Amino acid sequence: MKLRHYLINEQVDLICKYDVIKYMLNKPVMGNRIGKWVLALSEFSLNFVPQKAVKGQALADFLADHPCQVTLPKLDETMLVEPIPWILEFDGSKTELGAGAGIVLTSPSGKIFKFSFSLLFKCSNNQAEYEALIAGLELLIDLKAYSILIKGNSQLVIGQLTGIYQCISPVMRSYYKIDQNLLSQFSETKFEFVYREENSPANELAQDGSGYKKTDLIEFRPQPLDSALTRICEENQVCEITTLTSSEDWRTPIKQYLQNPDGSYDYIVKIRAMQYCLMKDGLFKRGTDGILLKCIDTKESMRVMAEVHEGCADYIKLERK
């Protein structure tokens, strides 16, 4: 017996409906298997205890014998228990010394995890905010979180992800697509805009990562972090690359709006059209120095690039001679 060393020196109560020990000892002839059992159990101090009635089973039998005739009213609303989400607090910092990202994760049980990153590339403050959020979402995916609450003091990032603001900048649109792909891996996601005072731990971690101000919230140095535009696009291939076909011309909606500026066009087209002007020779874009730059289509741009490359090759050959 595996439990022999536990039972040999103890008084053991045997709970069952019938006194099995008394039955075996009172049997006149003990042979075969029962005799072996009696011989094996003789060294233990066994005490028979009759099994008492189970209260839950007695209640179930009573309800089965006396069914209730009253019909219960139907509930209009279903009672649901909401899970406690993970809390993600993020912030980004951009200074002359560099850029950093700060993340504070709070588990459903209340445990707090703090992270500080130093961004190894040039970026704006809004890009640093997006980098912090993307890094936090990647950590939550590794932790197998399914319900999250995102808190941040960046009104632009929170507004774009909730649909309040539009992404006009191509760079911000790329970050937006990465965030949407990461957010789709969670079953429940909520956003909450907080002021900087309420987001001070993440702000201090971001400032530590940018080199602006050291903090005592973490013991280790900020970890280096590459851009999410290159890290995620190359590894996970989540970024979409769209190419213009021969039948598409990016100048067409801008030309149509400049010829007939009404309210039926998209907001992005209206904003982009402010930088262009329409002349007899075609569409031109105003440069920063006031010079008009001619806009060409895909085929013409390929021809111009080929001519430039051929010229560079001839120039290199001449220099080698």
C-alpha atoms as a PDB file:
ATOM      1  CA  MET A   1       0.000   0.000   0.000  1.00  0.00           C
ATOM      2  CA  LYS A   2       1.261   3.463  -0.898  1.00  0.00           C
ATOM      3  CA  LEU A   3      -0.337   5.100   2.190  1.00  0.00           C
ATOM      4  CA  ARG A   4       0.806   2.481   4.713  1.00  0.00           C
ATOM      5  CA  HIS A   5       3.326   4.760   6.426  1.00  0.00           C
ATOM      6  CA  TYR A   6       0.569   7.352   6.953  1.00  0.00           C
ATOM      7  CA  LEU A   7      -1.999   4.945   8.447  1.00  0.00           C
ATOM      8  CA  ILE A   8       0.169   2.618  10.544  1.00  0.00           C
ATOM      9  CA  ASN A   9       0.352   4.879  13.618  1.00  0.00           C
ATOM     10  CA  GLU A  10      -3.041   6.605  13.350  1.00  0.00           C
ATOM     11  CA  GLN A  11      -6.666   5.830  14.195  1.00  0.00           C
ATOM     12  CA  VAL A  12      -8.472   5.574  10.850  1.00  0.00           C
ATOM     13  CA  ASP A  13     -12.233   6.171  10.522  1.00  0.00           C
ATOM     14  CA  LEU A  14     -13.797   4.184   7.695  1.00  0.00           C
ATOM     15  CA  ILE A  15     -16.973   5.932   6.474  1.00  0.00           C
ATOM     16  CA  CYS A  16     -19.371   3.714   4.521  1.00  0.00           C
ATOM     17  CA  LYS A  17     -22.984   2.549   4.522  1.00  0.00           C
ATOM     18  CA  TYR A  18     -22.231  -0.945   5.853  1.00  0.00           C
ATOM     19  CA  ASP A  19     -19.743  -2.214   8.427  1.00  0.00           C
ATOM     20  CA  VAL A  20     -17.402  -3.962   6.019  1.00  0.00           C
ATOM     21  CA  ILE A  21     -14.848  -4.751   8.731  1.00  0.00           C
ATOM     22  CA  LYS A  22     -17.422  -6.521  10.902  1.00  0.00           C
ATOM     23  CA  TYR A  23     -18.652  -8.467   7.884  1.00  0.00           C
ATOM     24  CA  MET A  24     -15.188  -9.731   7.037  1.00  0.00           C
ATOM     25  CA  LEU A  25     -14.257 -10.649  10.622  1.00  0.00           C
ATOM     26  CA  ASN A  26     -17.545 -12.488  11.321  1.00  0.00           C
ATOM     27  CA  LYS A  27     -17.350 -14.589   8.184  1.00  0.00           C
ATOM     28  CA  PRO A  28     -16.620 -18.215   9.172  1.00  0.00           C
ATOM     29  CA  VAL A  29     -14.524 -19.023   6.136  1.00  0.00           C
ATOM     30  CA  MET A  30     -12.212 -16.412   4.717  1.00  0.00           C
ATOM     31  CA  GLY A  31     -10.648 -17.437   1.492  1.00  0.00           C
ATOM     32  CA  ASN A  32      -9.419 -16.101  -1.760  1.00  0.00           C
ATOM     33  CA  ARG A  33      -9.295 -12.334  -2.020  1.00  0.00           C
ATOM     34  CA  ILE A  34     -11.276 -11.463   1.144  1.00  0.00           C
ATOM     35  CA  GLY A  35      -8.879 -13.440   3.290  1.00  0.00           C
ATOM     36  CA  LYS A  36      -5.939 -11.548   1.863  1.00  0.00           C
ATOM     37  CA  TRP A  37      -7.709  -8.226   2.562  1.00  0.00           C
ATOM     38  CA  VAL A  38      -8.362  -9.169   6.195  1.00  0.00           C
ATOM     39  CA  LEU A  39      -4.751 -10.179   6.682  1.00  0.00           C
ATOM     40  CA  ALA A  40      -3.505  -6.946   5.104  1.00  0.00           C
ATOM     41  CA  LEU A  41      -5.855  -4.709   7.153  1.00  0.00           C
ATOM     42  CA  SER A  42      -5.231  -6.394  10.486  1.00  0.00           C
ATOM     43  CA  GLU A  43      -2.222  -4.193  11.263  1.00  0.00           C
ATOM     44  CA  PHE A  44      -4.237  -0.955  11.046  1.00  0.00           C
ATOM     45  CA  SER A  45      -6.517   0.589  13.689  1.00  0.00           C
ATOM     46  CA  LEU A  46      -9.751   0.885  11.718  1.00  0.00           C
ATOM     47  CA  ASN A  47     -12.974   2.331  13.152  1.00  0.00           C
ATOM     48  CA  PHE A  48     -16.292   2.019  11.338  1.00  0.00           C
ATOM     49  CA  VAL A  49     -18.337   5.253  11.054  1.00  0.00           C
ATOM     50  CA  PRO A  50     -21.803   5.066   9.424  1.00  0.00           C
ATOM     51  CA  GLN A  51     -22.346   7.411   6.525  1.00  0.00           C
ATOM     52  CA  LYS A  52     -24.691  10.297   7.321  1.00  0.00           C
ATOM     53  CA  ALA A  53     -27.287  11.767   4.979  1.00  0.00           C
ATOM     54  CA  VAL A  54     -26.020  14.474   2.659  1.00  0.00           C
ATOM     55  CA  LYS A  55     -27.984  17.678   3.283  1.00  0.00           C
ATOM     56  CA  GLY A  56     -27.764  18.853  -0.302  1.00  0.00           C
ATOM     57  CA  GLN A  57     -29.080  15.561  -1.679  1.00  0.00           C
ATOM     58  CA  ALA A  58     -31.907  15.532   0.904  1.00  0.00           C
ATOM     59  CA  LEU A  59     -32.926  19.047  -0.189  1.00  0.00           C
ATOM     60  CA  ALA A  60     -32.833  18.017  -3.848  1.00  0.00           C
ATOM     61  CA  ASP A  61     -35.006  14.956  -3.112  1.00  0.00           C
ATOM     62  CA  PHE A  62     -37.482  17.104  -1.186  1.00  0.00           C
ATOM     63  CA  LEU A  63     -37.803  19.603  -4.049  1.00  0.00           C
ATOM     64  CA  ALA A  64     -38.241  16.752  -6.504  1.00  0.00           C
ATOM     65  CA  ASP A  65     -41.086  15.275  -4.420  1.00  0.00           C
ATOM     66  CA  HIS A  66     -42.731  18.681  -3.806  1.00  0.00           C
ATOM     67  CA  PRO A  67     -42.379  20.771  -6.969  1.00  0.00           C
ATOM     68  CA  CYS A  68     -43.112  24.497  -6.777  1.00  0.00           C
ATOM     69  CA  GLN A  69     -46.245  25.602  -8.612  1.00  0.00           C
ATOM     70  CA  VAL A  70     -45.325  29.311  -8.717  1.00  0.00           C
ATOM     71  CA  THR A  71     -43.961  30.572 -12.061  1.00  0.00           C
ATOM     72  CA  LEU A  72     -41.038  32.933 -11.756  1.00  0.00           C
ATOM     73  CA  PRO A  73     -41.144  36.162 -13.793  1.00  0.00           C
ATOM     74  CA  LYS A  74     -38.824  36.433 -16.762  1.00  0.00           C
ATOM     75  CA  LEU A  75     -35.819  38.686 -16.412  1.00  0.00           C
ATOM     76  CA  ASP A  76     -35.545  41.463 -18.984  1.00  0.00           C
ATOM     77  CA  GLU A  77     -31.789  41.901 -18.593  1.00  0.00           C
ATOM     78  CA  THR A  78     -29.071  39.299 -18.440  1.00  0.00           C
ATOM     79  CA  MET A  79     -26.647  39.581 -15.574  1.00  0.00           C
ATOM     80  CA  LEU A  80     -23.096  39.464 -16.913  1.00  0.00           C
ATOM     81  CA  VAL A  81     -19.893  39.508 -14.903  1.00  0.00           C
ATOM     82  CA  GLU A  82     -17.365  41.801 -16.556  1.00  0.00           C
ATOM     83  CA  PRO A  83     -13.739  40.617 -16.388  1.00  0.00           C
ATOM     84  CA  ILE A  84     -11.146  42.839 -14.766  1.00  0.00           C
ATOM     85  CA  PRO A  85      -8.999  44.200 -17.615  1.00  0.00           C
ATOM     86  CA  TRP A  86      -5.289  44.796 -17.858  1.00  0.00           C
ATOM     87  CA  ILE A  87      -4.503  48.520 -17.620  1.00  0.00           C
ATOM     88  CA  LEU A  88      -1.979  49.986 -20.053  1.00  0.00           C
ATOM     89  CA  GLU A  89      -0.646  53.492 -19.313  1.00  0.00           C
ATOM     90  CA  PHE A  90       1.689  54.877 -21.964  1.00  0.00           C
ATOM     91  CA  ASP A  91       3.533  58.099 -22.728  1.00  0.00           C
ATOM     92  CA  GLY A  92       6.214  59.318 -25.120  1.00  0.00           C
ATOM     93  CA  SER A  93       8.888  61.981 -24.747  1.00  0.00           C
ATOM     94  CA  LYS A  94      10.902  63.855 -27.382  1.00  0.00           C
ATOM     95  CA  THR A  95      13.728  66.166 -26.365  1.00  0.00           C
ATOM     96  CA  GLU A  96      16.963  67.478 -27.854  1.00  0.00           C
ATOM     97  CA  LEU A  97      18.806  64.605 -26.172  1.00  0.00           C
ATOM     98  CA  GLY A  98      16.648  61.913 -27.759  1.00  0.00           C
ATOM     99  CA  ALA A  99      13.272  60.195 -27.572  1.00  0.00           C
ATOM    100  CA  GLY A 100      11.839  57.720 -25.094  1.00  0.00           C
ATOM    101  CA  ALA A 101       8.742  55.665 -24.312  1.00  0.00           C
ATOM    102  CA  GLY A 102       7.268  54.822 -20.911  1.00  0.00           C
ATOM    103  CA  ILE A 103       4.832  51.977 -20.140  1.00  0.00           C
ATOM    104  CA  VAL A 104       3.042  50.977 -16.938  1.00  0.00           C
ATOM    105  CA  LEU A 105       1.076  47.695 -16.942  1.00  0.00           C
ATOM    106  CA  THR A 106      -1.342  46.774 -14.145  1.00  0.00           C
ATOM    107  CA  SER A 107      -2.565  43.171 -14.014  1.00  0.00           C
ATOM    108  CA  PRO A 108      -6.108  42.193 -12.943  1.00  0.00           C
ATOM    109  CA  SER A 109      -4.660  41.091  -9.591  1.00  0.00           C
ATOM    110  CA  GLY A 110      -3.091  44.538  -9.018  1.00  0.00           C
ATOM    111  CA  LYS A 111       0.549  43.796  -9.838  1.00  0.00           C
ATOM    112  CA  ILE A 112       2.373  46.681 -11.528  1.00  0.00           C
ATOM    113  CA  PHE A 113       5.064  46.320 -14.207  1.00  0.00           C
ATOM    114  CA  LYS A 114       7.074  49.330 -15.410  1.00  0.00           C
ATOM    115  CA  PHE A 115       9.091  49.644 -18.615  1.00  0.00           C
ATOM    116  CA  SER A 116      11.271  52.396 -20.068  1.00  0.00           C
ATOM    117  CA  PHE A 117      12.630  52.434 -23.633  1.00  0.00           C
ATOM    118  CA  SER A 118      15.089  54.628 -25.502  1.00  0.00           C
ATOM    119  CA  LEU A 119      14.078  55.127 -29.145  1.00  0.00           C
ATOM    120  CA  LEU A 120      17.037  54.594 -31.463  1.00  0.00           C
ATOM    121  CA  PHE A 121      15.793  56.832 -34.286  1.00  0.00           C
ATOM    122  CA  LYS A 122      14.686  60.393 -34.924  1.00  0.00           C
ATOM    123  CA  CYS A 123      10.983  60.961 -34.399  1.00  0.00           C
ATOM    124  CA  SER A 124       8.410  63.504 -33.310  1.00  0.00           C
ATOM    125  CA  ASN A 125       6.594  63.544 -29.985  1.00  0.00           C
ATOM    126  CA  ASN A 126       3.467  62.010 -31.576  1.00  0.00           C
ATOM    127  CA  GLN A 127       5.555  59.199 -33.040  1.00  0.00           C
ATOM    128  CA  ALA A 128       7.050  58.551 -29.597  1.00  0.00           C
ATOM    129  CA  GLU A 129       3.516  58.312 -28.185  1.00  0.00           C
ATOM    130  CA  TYR A 130       2.578  55.739 -30.834  1.00  0.00           C
ATOM    131  CA  GLU A 131       5.801  53.800 -30.233  1.00  0.00           C
ATOM    132  CA  ALA A 132       5.010  53.568 -26.514  1.00  0.00           C
ATOM    133  CA  LEU A 133       1.486  52.319 -27.203  1.00  0.00           C
ATOM    134  CA  ILE A 134       2.652  49.723 -29.739  1.00  0.00           C
ATOM    135  CA  ALA A 135       5.325  48.407 -27.366  1.00  0.00           C
ATOM    136  CA  GLY A 136       2.740  48.116 -24.596  1.00  0.00           C
ATOM    137  CA  LEU A 137       0.305  46.225 -26.832  1.00  0.00           C
ATOM    138  CA  GLU A 138       3.066  43.802 -27.829  1.00  0.00           C
ATOM    139  CA  LEU A 139       3.795  43.116 -24.153  1.00  0.00           C
ATOM    140  CA  LEU A 140       0.105  42.474 -23.436  1.00  0.00           C
ATOM    141  CA  ILE A 141      -0.123  40.057 -26.367  1.00  0.00           C
ATOM    142  CA  ASP A 142       2.847  38.123 -24.967  1.00  0.00           C
ATOM    143  CA  LEU A 143       1.083  38.036 -21.575  1.00  0.00           C
ATOM    144  CA  LYS A 144      -2.051  36.495 -23.196  1.00  0.00           C
ATOM    145  CA  ALA A 145      -4.307  39.377 -22.104  1.00  0.00           C
ATOM    146  CA  TYR A 146      -7.776  39.457 -23.672  1.00  0.00           C
ATOM    147  CA  SER A 147      -9.387  42.522 -22.016  1.00  0.00           C
ATOM    148  CA  ILE A 148      -7.428  45.792 -21.786  1.00  0.00           C
ATOM    149  CA  LEU A 149      -7.980  49.413 -20.741  1.00  0.00           C
ATOM    150  CA  ILE A 150      -5.652  51.914 -22.427  1.00  0.00           C
ATOM    151  CA  LYS A 151      -4.897  55.206 -20.681  1.00  0.00           C
ATOM    152  CA  GLY A 152      -2.861  58.020 -22.171  1.00  0.00           C
ATOM    153  CA  ASN A 153      -2.516  61.801 -22.136  1.00  0.00           C
ATOM    154  CA  SER A 154      -2.026  62.078 -25.911  1.00  0.00           C
ATOM    155  CA  GLN A 155      -5.260  63.508 -27.232  1.00  0.00           C
ATOM    156  CA  LEU A 156      -4.129  62.906 -30.819  1.00  0.00           C
ATOM    157  CA  VAL A 157      -3.394  59.177 -30.402  1.00  0.00           C
ATOM    158  CA  ILE A 158      -6.516  58.454 -28.342  1.00  0.00           C
ATOM    159  CA  GLY A 159      -8.648  60.528 -30.713  1.00  0.00           C
ATOM    160  CA  GLN A 160      -7.360  58.807 -33.855  1.00  0.00           C
ATOM    161  CA  LEU A 161      -7.790  55.286 -32.450  1.00  0.00           C
ATOM    162  CA  THR A 162     -11.332  56.035 -31.236  1.00  0.00           C
ATOM    163  CA  GLY A 163     -12.340  57.612 -34.553  1.00  0.00           C
ATOM    164  CA  ILE A 164     -12.676  61.196 -33.300  1.00  0.00           C
ATOM    165  CA  TYR A 165      -9.729  62.458 -35.362  1.00  0.00           C
ATOM    166  CA  GLN A 166      -8.620  61.447 -38.845  1.00  0.00           C
ATOM    167  CA  CYS A 167      -5.110  60.324 -39.798  1.00  0.00           C
ATOM    168  CA  ILE A 168      -3.960  62.745 -42.483  1.00  0.00           C
ATOM    169  CA  SER A 169      -0.211  62.284 -42.191  1.00  0.00           C
ATOM    170  CA  PRO A 170       1.120  59.174 -44.006  1.00  0.00           C
ATOM    171  CA  VAL A 171       3.425  58.407 -41.075  1.00  0.00           C
ATOM    172  CA  MET A 172       0.585  58.583 -38.551  1.00  0.00           C
ATOM    173  CA  ARG A 173      -1.559  56.446 -40.859  1.00  0.00           C
ATOM    174  CA  SER A 174       1.123  53.732 -40.823  1.00  0.00           C
ATOM    175  CA  TYR A 175       1.200  53.772 -37.032  1.00  0.00           C
ATOM    176  CA  TYR A 176      -2.595  53.689 -37.008  1.00  0.00           C
ATOM    177  CA  LYS A 177      -2.669  50.528 -39.145  1.00  0.00           C
ATOM    178  CA  ILE A 178      -0.159  48.785 -36.869  1.00  0.00           C
ATOM    179  CA  ASP A 179      -2.207  49.671 -33.799  1.00  0.00           C
ATOM    180  CA  GLN A 180      -5.430  48.450 -35.380  1.00  0.00           C
ATOM    181  CA  ASN A 181      -3.802  45.127 -36.239  1.00  0.00           C
ATOM    182  CA  LEU A 182      -2.550  44.693 -32.661  1.00  0.00           C
ATOM    183  CA  LEU A 183      -5.865  45.775 -31.111  1.00  0.00           C
ATOM    184  CA  SER A 184      -7.752  43.189 -33.180  1.00  0.00           C
ATOM    185  CA  GLN A 185      -6.009  40.436 -31.170  1.00  0.00           C
ATOM    186  CA  PHE A 186      -7.882  41.438 -27.986  1.00  0.00           C
ATOM    187  CA  SER A 187     -11.479  40.506 -27.265  1.00  0.00           C
ATOM    188  CA  GLU A 188     -12.283  43.765 -25.457  1.00  0.00           C
ATOM    189  CA  THR A 189     -10.528  47.134 -25.705  1.00  0.00           C
ATOM    190  CA  LYS A 190     -11.361  50.437 -24.029  1.00  0.00           C
ATOM    191  CA  PHE A 191      -9.674  53.841 -24.232  1.00  0.00           C
ATOM    192  CA  GLU A 192      -9.518  56.568 -21.612  1.00  0.00           C
ATOM    193  CA  PHE A 193      -7.936  59.991 -21.978  1.00  0.00           C
ATOM    194  CA  VAL A 194      -6.206  61.181 -18.803  1.00  0.00           C
ATOM    195  CA  TYR A 195      -4.335  64.362 -17.964  1.00  0.00           C
ATOM    196  CA  ARG A 196      -0.564  64.427 -17.561  1.00  0.00           C
ATOM    197  CA  GLU A 197      -0.817  64.595 -13.758  1.00  0.00           C
ATOM    198  CA  GLU A 198      -2.739  61.314 -13.704  1.00  0.00           C
ATOM    199  CA  ASN A 199      -0.240  59.743 -16.109  1.00  0.00           C
ATOM    200  CA  SER A 200       2.877  60.836 -14.218  1.00  0.00           C
ATOM    201  CA  PRO A 201       4.493  57.348 -13.781  1.00  0.00           C
ATOM    202  CA  ALA A 202       4.483  56.676 -17.529  1.00  0.00           C
ATOM    203  CA  ASN A 203       5.636  60.248 -18.181  1.00  0.00           C
ATOM    204  CA  GLU A 204       8.630  59.859 -15.838  1.00  0.00           C
ATOM    205  CA  LEU A 205       9.577  56.566 -17.497  1.00  0.00           C
ATOM    206  CA  ALA A 206       9.393  58.208 -20.940  1.00  0.00           C
ATOM    207  CA  GLN A 207      11.550  61.124 -19.794  1.00  0.00           C
ATOM    208  CA  ASP A 208      14.087  58.656 -18.406  1.00  0.00           C
ATOM    209  CA  GLY A 209      14.192  56.902 -21.775  1.00  0.00           C
ATOM    210  CA  SER A 210      14.741  60.181 -23.638  1.00  0.00           C
ATOM    211  CA  GLY A 211      17.541  61.213 -21.260  1.00  0.00           C
ATOM    212  CA  TYR A 212      15.724  64.331 -20.077  1.00  0.00           C
ATOM    213  CA  LYS A 213      15.207  63.289 -16.451  1.00  0.00           C
ATOM    214  CA  LYS A 214      16.253  60.218 -14.489  1.00  0.00           C
ATOM    215  CA  THR A 215      13.704  58.399 -12.356  1.00  0.00           C
ATOM    216  CA  ASP A 216      13.807  55.952  -9.458  1.00  0.00           C
ATOM    217  CA  LEU A 217      10.739  54.003 -10.619  1.00  0.00           C
ATOM    218  CA  ILE A 218      12.913  51.332 -12.232  1.00  0.00           C
ATOM    219  CA  GLU A 219      16.223  49.824 -11.154  1.00  0.00           C
ATOM    220  CA  PHE A 220      17.599  48.996 -14.612  1.00  0.00           C
ATOM    221  CA  ARG A 221      18.544  51.307 -17.463  1.00  0.00           C
ATOM    222  CA  PRO A 222      16.064  52.043 -20.280  1.00  0.00           C
ATOM    223  CA  GLN A 223      16.093  49.390 -22.984  1.00  0.00           C
ATOM    224  CA  PRO A 224      16.814  50.345 -26.620  1.00  0.00           C
ATOM    225  CA  LEU A 225      13.892  50.075 -29.035  1.00  0.00           C
ATOM    226  CA  ASP A 226      13.822  50.222 -32.846  1.00  0.00           C
ATOM    227  CA  SER A 227      11.045  51.859 -34.817  1.00  0.00           C
ATOM    228  CA  ALA A 228       7.810  49.893 -35.018  1.00  0.00           C
ATOM    229  CA  LEU A 229       7.495  50.839 -38.692  1.00  0.00           C
ATOM    230  CA  THR A 230      10.564  48.742 -39.509  1.00  0.00           C
ATOM    231  CA  ARG A 231      10.390  46.190 -36.676  1.00  0.00           C
ATOM    232  CA  ILE A 232       6.801  45.034 -37.144  1.00  0.00           C
ATOM    233  CA  CYS A 233       6.558  45.556 -40.895  1.00  0.00           C
ATOM    234  CA  GLU A 234       9.612  43.378 -41.559  1.00  0.00           C
ATOM    235  CA  GLU A 235       9.000  40.653 -38.952  1.00  0.00           C
ATOM    236  CA  ASN A 236       5.211  40.261 -38.891  1.00  0.00           C
ATOM    237  CA  GLN A 237       4.398  41.795 -42.285  1.00  0.00           C
ATOM    238  CA  VAL A 238       1.358  43.708 -41.068  1.00  0.00           C
ATOM    239  CA  CYS A 239       1.876  46.883 -43.083  1.00  0.00           C
ATOM    240  CA  GLU A 240      -0.017  47.161 -46.328  1.00  0.00           C
ATOM    241  CA  ILE A 241       1.798  48.425 -49.402  1.00  0.00           C
ATOM    242  CA  THR A 242      -0.452  49.779 -52.138  1.00  0.00           C
ATOM    243  CA  THR A 243       0.790  50.412 -55.668  1.00  0.00           C
ATOM    244  CA  LEU A 244      -0.892  52.488 -58.310  1.00  0.00           C
ATOM    245  CA  THR A 245      -1.980  50.636 -61.410  1.00  0.00           C
ATOM    246  CA  SER A 246      -1.934  52.115 -64.891  1.00  0.00           C
ATOM    247  CA  SER A 247      -5.652  52.964 -64.624  1.00  0.00           C
ATOM    248  CA  GLU A 248      -5.222  54.930 -61.356  1.00  0.00           C
ATOM    249  CA  ASP A 249      -3.885  58.457 -61.170  1.00  0.00           C
ATOM    250  CA  TRP A 250      -3.364  60.099 -57.793  1.00  0.00           C
ATOM    251  CA  ARG A 251      -3.801  63.540 -59.375  1.00  0.00           C
ATOM    252  CA  THR A 252      -7.376  62.924 -60.553  1.00  0.00           C
ATOM    253  CA  PRO A 253      -9.292  63.656 -57.291  1.00  0.00           C
ATOM    254  CA  ILE A 254      -7.196  66.779 -56.649  1.00  0.00           C
ATOM    255  CA  LYS A 255      -7.801  68.068 -60.180  1.00  0.00           C
ATOM    256  CA  GLN A 256     -11.517  67.399 -59.919  1.00  0.00           C
ATOM    257  CA  TYR A 257     -11.757  69.230 -56.609  1.00  0.00           C
ATOM    258  CA  LEU A 258      -9.801  72.246 -57.905  1.00  0.00           C
ATOM    259  CA  GLN A 259     -12.065  72.422 -60.963  1.00  0.00           C
ATOM    260  CA  ASN A 260     -15.263  72.050 -58.928  1.00  0.00           C
ATOM    261  CA  PRO A 261     -14.669  72.683 -55.190  1.00  0.00           C
ATOM    262  CA  ASP A 262     -17.859  71.476 -53.515  1.00  0.00           C
ATOM    263  CA  GLY A 263     -18.578  69.583 -50.290  1.00  0.00           C
ATOM    264  CA  SER A 264     -18.908  66.114 -51.826  1.00  0.00           C
ATOM    265  CA  TYR A 265     -15.179  65.351 -51.700  1.00  0.00           C
ATOM    266  CA  ASP A 266     -13.338  63.633 -48.877  1.00  0.00           C
ATOM    267  CA  TYR A 267     -11.775  65.742 -46.130  1.00  0.00           C
ATOM    268  CA  ILE A 268      -8.284  64.435 -46.900  1.00  0.00           C
ATOM    269  CA  VAL A 269      -8.601  65.483 -50.551  1.00  0.00           C
ATOM    270  CA  LYS A 270      -9.594  69.002 -49.492  1.00  0.00           C
ATOM    271  CA  ILE A 271      -6.583  69.327 -47.190  1.00  0.00           C
ATOM    272  CA  ARG A 272      -4.142  68.027 -49.822  1.00  0.00           C
ATOM    273  CA  ALA A 273      -5.594  70.281 -52.521  1.00  0.00           C
ATOM    274  CA  MET A 274      -4.584  73.374 -50.556  1.00  0.00           C
ATOM    275  CA  GLN A 275      -0.948  72.730 -51.534  1.00  0.00           C
ATOM    276  CA  TYR A 276      -1.657  72.422 -55.287  1.00  0.00           C
ATOM    277  CA  CYS A 277      -2.710  74.690 -58.120  1.00  0.00           C
ATOM    278  CA  LEU A 278      -4.117  73.858 -61.553  1.00  0.00           C
ATOM    279  CA  MET A 279      -2.629  75.447 -64.694  1.00  0.00           C
ATOM    280  CA  LYS A 280      -2.784  74.805 -68.431  1.00  0.00           C
ATOM    281  CA  ASP A 281       0.266  72.544 -68.365  1.00  0.00           C
ATOM    282  CA  GLY A 282      -1.150  70.374 -65.599  1.00  0.00           C
ATOM    283  CA  LEU A 283      -1.100  70.103 -61.822  1.00  0.00           C
ATOM    284  CA  PHE A 284       1.595  71.881 -59.806  1.00  0.00           C
ATOM    285  CA  LYS A 285       2.540  71.790 -56.122  1.00  0.00           C
ATOM    286  CA  ARG A 286       3.791  74.837 -54.276  1.00  0.00           C
ATOM    287  CA  GLY A 287       7.229  74.244 -52.776  1.00  0.00           C
ATOM    288  CA  THR A 288       8.485  75.721 -49.526  1.00  0.00           C
ATOM    289  CA  ASP A 289      10.458  78.350 -51.449  1.00  0.00           C
ATOM    290  CA  GLY A 290       7.483  79.303 -53.634  1.00  0.00           C
ATOM    291  CA  ILE A 291       8.624  77.378 -56.733  1.00  0.00           C
ATOM    292  CA  LEU A 292       5.922  75.407 -58.521  1.00  0.00           C
ATOM    293  CA  LEU A 293       6.748  71.701 -58.906  1.00  0.00           C
ATOM    294  CA  LYS A 294       5.061  69.826 -61.722  1.00  0.00           C
ATOM    295  CA  CYS A 295       3.152  66.682 -60.727  1.00  0.00           C
ATOM    296  CA  ILE A 296       3.538  63.663 -63.005  1.00  0.00           C
ATOM    297  CA  ASP A 297       1.862  60.279 -63.185  1.00  0.00           C
ATOM    298  CA  THR A 298       3.349  56.828 -62.554  1.00  0.00           C
ATOM    299  CA  LYS A 299       4.563  56.110 -66.081  1.00  0.00           C
ATOM    300  CA  GLU A 300       6.207  59.486 -66.481  1.00  0.00           C
ATOM    301  CA  SER A 301       7.858  59.191 -63.047  1.00  0.00           C
ATOM    302  CA  MET A 302       9.385  55.842 -64.046  1.00  0.00           C
ATOM    303  CA  ARG A 303      10.758  57.390 -67.218  1.00  0.00           C
ATOM    304  CA  VAL A 304      12.249  60.327 -65.320  1.00  0.00           C
ATOM    305  CA  MET A 305      13.841  58.022 -62.753  1.00  0.00           C
ATOM    306  CA  ALA A 306      15.343  55.895 -65.509  1.00  0.00           C
ATOM    307  CA  GLU A 307      16.864  58.981 -67.164  1.00  0.00           C
ATOM    308  CA  VAL A 308      18.303  60.165 -63.858  1.00  0.00           C
ATOM    309  CA  HIS A 309      19.837  56.784 -63.129  1.00  0.00           C
ATOM    310  CA  GLU A 310      21.344  56.550 -66.593  1.00  0.00           C
ATOM    311  CA  GLY A 311      22.877  59.983 -66.171  1.00  0.00           C
ATOM    312  CA  CYS A 312      24.377  59.017 -62.824  1.00  0.00           C
ATOM    313  CA  ALA A 313      25.886  55.883 -64.339  1.00  0.00           C
ATOM    314  CA  ASP A 314      27.525  57.850 -67.159  1.00  0.00           C
ATOM    315  CA  TYR A 315      28.884  60.322 -64.623  1.00  0.00           C
ATOM    316  CA  ILE A 316      30.456  57.513 -62.582  1.00  0.00           C
ATOM    317  CA  LYS A 317      32.074  56.030 -65.671  1.00  0.00           C
ATOM    318  CA  LEU A 318      33.611  59.381 -66.566  1.00  0.00           C
ATOM    319  CA  GLU A 319      34.981  59.823 -63.061  1.00  0.00           C
ATOM    320  CA  ARG A 320      36.616  56.376 -63.144  1.00  0.00           C
ATOM    321  CA  LYS A 321      38.423  57.203 -66.382  1.00  0.00           C
END
